[in-house]
Amino acid sequence: MSSYDDDLALALQLADEADAISTARFGARDLEIATKPDTTFVTDADRAVEQRIRHVLAAERPDDAIFGEEFGPVGEAPRQWIIDPIDGTAHFLRGAPIWATLIALAVDGKPVVGVVSSPALGARWWAASGGGAWKRTPADDAPQPLRVSGVGELAASAISYNSIQGWDGAGRVDQLVALQRDVWRARSYGDAWSYMLLAEGALDAVAEFDLQPYDMAALVPVIEEAGGTFTSVGGDAGPWHGSALATNGHLHQQLLERLAR
């Protein structure tokens, strides 16, 4: 049980509504695609999902603040819902299934509820502080608990770096190359799915640059409740510092030291 069970139930309801909208537009021939000022893509599905989530939150949590990727921040309050309507829009518009809706609740800046819903992959992951981390697929009779791996040596670890362009933009390609030489396996699985594989124990670490809070907030409770650790690459807690280092906990200090400037 968690003191945020009611908020988690609402977040799961929001994910249901988001999935209905995004699934209907996934693969649509008339999908509307635009380029934002930061050169990233946005589709009519991104906007429709976020608008629906905001509409429900305005009715169900009128005193809470909202921060979404497409329509920015609204309100100031200790409780803030953080939304990425479609994380992985580039995958979405190309017809690849690696995308998800990310819904988080942060209280005093700390993410305490997180839902990652990926209908094209047929999976959903969620957590609330103190209530454990969970996954469900259509094949599951009941939600399955999540637990990170016990791997403690870099030489035995599997990591995801998510985007070589992100490492290049941060001036860290040399670090990435050196790290890949010293781990068992390094791949770019992409977007939120990498972090969920970490929470499931299939990966041992994920590191990424050039991120916004809405890219990370929903991931934090899932990883932490699964027994992992989530900070920036510089070691700062939370999703507010522009980068992510998520690990099974055993490897965290080693990777912080490896990635220190």
Foldseek 3Di string as FASTA:
>chain_A
DFPCPVVQVLVVVLQVVLCVLLVVCQPDPPWAWDADPVRDIDTPSQVVSVVVSVVVCCVVPVQEWEAEDPPGTDDDDQKYKYWRSKWPVVCRVVNHQPIWIWIFIGGNQATFKIKTGRVSVQKIWIFGVPGAIWMDGPVDPDTDGWAAAPDQAQQAFEEEAQDCVQCVVVVRNVLVVVSCVRHNYYYNPHAPVRLVCRRRHVGFKYKGFQDAQSSPSNSQRNLVSNQKAWAALCRHDHSHDGIIIIGNHSCVVVSNVSSPD
